[in-house]
Protein backbone atom coordinates (compact mmCIF):
# COMPACT_ATOMS: atom_id res chain seq x y z
CA MET A 1 -7.06 4.24 22.11
CA SER A 2 -6.67 4.66 18.30
CA ASP A 3 -9.45 4.20 15.86
CA SER A 4 -7.77 1.14 14.39
CA GLN A 5 -7.75 -0.59 17.79
CA LEU A 6 -11.49 -0.27 18.12
CA LYS A 7 -12.16 -2.05 14.82
CA ASN A 8 -12.03 -5.73 15.07
CA ASP A 9 -11.86 -8.49 12.35
CA GLU A 10 -15.58 -8.60 12.05
CA TYR A 11 -15.74 -4.88 11.17
CA TRP A 12 -13.03 -5.35 8.49
CA ARG A 13 -14.66 -8.53 7.04
CA ASP A 14 -17.94 -6.69 6.60
CA LEU A 15 -16.07 -3.78 4.77
CA LEU A 16 -13.63 -5.65 2.57
CA SER A 17 -13.68 -8.54 0.00
CA VAL A 18 -12.08 -11.85 0.99
CA ASP A 19 -8.88 -10.94 -0.94
CA GLU A 20 -8.75 -7.41 0.49
CA PHE A 21 -9.17 -8.68 4.01
CA ARG A 22 -6.43 -11.37 3.49
CA ILE A 23 -4.04 -8.73 2.10
CA CYS A 24 -4.83 -5.67 4.17
CA ARG A 25 -5.50 -7.24 7.68
CA GLN A 26 -3.64 -10.52 7.37
CA LYS A 27 -0.52 -9.27 5.67
CA GLY A 28 -1.04 -11.20 2.48
CA THR A 29 -0.05 -10.41 -1.05
CA GLU A 30 -1.49 -10.64 -4.57
CA ARG A 31 0.31 -12.30 -7.51
CA ALA A 32 2.43 -10.08 -9.67
CA PHE A 33 0.88 -8.37 -12.58
CA THR A 34 -2.73 -9.13 -11.36
CA GLY A 35 -3.68 -6.21 -9.36
CA ARG A 36 -5.81 -3.36 -10.90
CA TYR A 37 -3.24 -0.67 -10.36
CA TRP A 38 0.01 -2.31 -11.36
CA ASN A 39 -0.06 -0.75 -14.84
CA HIS A 40 -2.42 2.13 -14.00
CA LYS A 41 -1.17 5.56 -15.31
CA ALA A 42 -3.88 8.16 -14.44
CA ALA A 43 -3.14 11.43 -12.51
CA GLY A 44 -4.48 11.51 -8.96
CA VAL A 45 -3.92 10.15 -5.42
CA TYR A 46 -3.83 6.50 -4.23
CA THR A 47 -5.56 6.21 -0.84
CA CYS A 48 -5.92 3.38 1.73
CA ARG A 49 -8.58 0.88 0.86
CA CYS A 50 -9.48 0.51 4.50
CA CYS A 51 -9.70 4.07 5.85
CA GLY A 52 -9.30 6.29 2.83
CA ALA A 53 -6.11 8.07 4.04
CA PRO A 54 -4.02 9.61 1.18
CA LEU A 55 -0.91 7.50 0.70
CA PHE A 56 0.78 8.15 -2.62
CA ASN A 57 0.56 10.78 -5.39
CA ALA A 58 0.48 9.27 -8.83
CA GLN A 59 3.30 11.52 -9.86
CA THR A 60 5.64 9.34 -7.82
CA LYS A 61 4.40 6.06 -9.47
CA TYR A 62 6.87 4.32 -11.75
CA ASP A 63 7.27 0.99 -13.57
CA SER A 64 9.60 -1.06 -11.47
CA GLY A 65 9.05 -4.18 -13.53
CA SER A 66 7.95 -6.01 -10.34
CA GLY A 67 4.26 -6.41 -11.26
CA TRP A 68 3.03 -4.30 -8.35
CA PRO A 69 2.33 -0.65 -8.10
CA SER A 70 5.64 0.97 -7.17
CA PHE A 71 6.19 4.50 -5.84
CA TYR A 72 9.42 6.28 -4.91
CA ALA A 73 7.86 8.35 -2.07
CA PRO A 74 4.69 8.47 -0.01
CA ILE A 75 2.46 11.52 -0.19
CA SER A 76 3.78 12.74 3.18
CA ALA A 77 6.34 11.80 5.73
CA THR A 78 3.47 10.74 8.13
CA ALA A 79 1.33 8.63 5.77
CA ILE A 80 3.33 5.45 5.94
CA GLY A 81 4.40 3.45 8.92
CA GLU A 82 7.04 0.78 8.84
CA ALA A 83 7.66 -2.55 10.64
CA VAL A 84 10.40 -5.23 10.43
CA ASP A 85 9.12 -8.35 8.58
CA GLU A 86 11.19 -11.51 8.90
CA SER A 87 8.34 -13.83 7.67
CA LEU A 88 10.20 -15.14 4.54
CA VAL A 89 13.46 -16.07 6.22
CA MET A 90 14.80 -12.72 5.14
CA ARG A 91 14.52 -9.22 6.64
CA ARG A 92 12.28 -6.93 4.84
CA VAL A 93 10.50 -3.64 5.79
CA GLU A 94 6.73 -3.85 5.77
CA ILE A 95 4.78 -0.66 4.97
CA LEU A 96 1.52 0.07 6.68
CA CYS A 97 -1.18 2.81 6.57
CA GLU A 98 -0.20 5.06 9.46
CA ARG A 99 -3.90 5.78 10.17
CA CYS A 100 -5.39 2.28 10.33
CA GLY A 101 -2.50 -0.17 10.26
CA SER A 102 -3.54 -1.76 6.95
CA HIS A 103 -0.76 -3.79 5.30
CA LEU A 104 0.23 -2.17 2.10
CA GLY A 105 3.36 -4.07 0.97
CA HIS A 106 7.08 -3.56 1.55
CA VAL A 107 9.76 -0.82 0.83
CA PHE A 108 12.99 -1.74 -0.81
CA PRO A 109 16.28 0.37 -1.32
CA ASP A 110 16.39 -0.18 -5.07
CA GLY A 111 14.20 2.58 -6.41
CA PRO A 112 14.87 5.59 -8.68
CA GLU A 113 16.10 9.02 -7.61
CA PRO A 114 15.35 11.29 -5.79
CA THR A 115 14.72 8.86 -2.96
CA GLY A 116 16.25 5.51 -4.16
CA LEU A 117 13.29 3.73 -2.59
CA ARG A 118 10.65 1.40 -4.04
CA TYR A 119 7.40 1.19 -2.26
CA CYS A 120 5.98 -1.93 -3.61
CA VAL A 121 2.18 -1.91 -2.93
CA ASN A 122 -0.58 -4.44 -3.37
CA SER A 123 -3.39 -2.97 -5.45
CA ALA A 124 -5.88 -4.60 -3.02
CA SER A 125 -4.57 -2.22 -0.44
CA LEU A 126 -5.34 0.94 -2.51
CA GLN A 127 -8.14 2.91 -3.86
CA PHE A 128 -7.66 5.69 -6.52
CA ALA A 129 -9.04 9.21 -6.65
CA ALA A 130 -8.52 10.80 -10.08
CA GLN A 131 -7.34 14.20 -10.30
CA ASP A 132 -9.86 16.79 -11.48
CA ASP A 133 -8.92 18.52 -14.74
């Protein structure tokens, strides 16, 4: 049994704010241009708000104009899980923290090179670890 299966809603409610719980555990979203990282430009690593797993290197972050933090690649091939999301009468690909199953956002095929992907992520799903100089 995985670690995420042992942690119930009560555990997550104690750990997260109301908005973080709604987004990370109930697959919610934040309004565009309101999250703390949508326009963040520091060097470092973005990690999962729930479990701390490394998800994205700041070097892969770019301004997509969407109002959410956007990245063209995860930090590793095993950091991000995917699931089909048909909740808005359209087919999208949900992205999840592979370690704990936290909802991060969605991935779209309209990003820049070298991948052509846009990982559109809720700031509430992330924490940031600044790069030491």
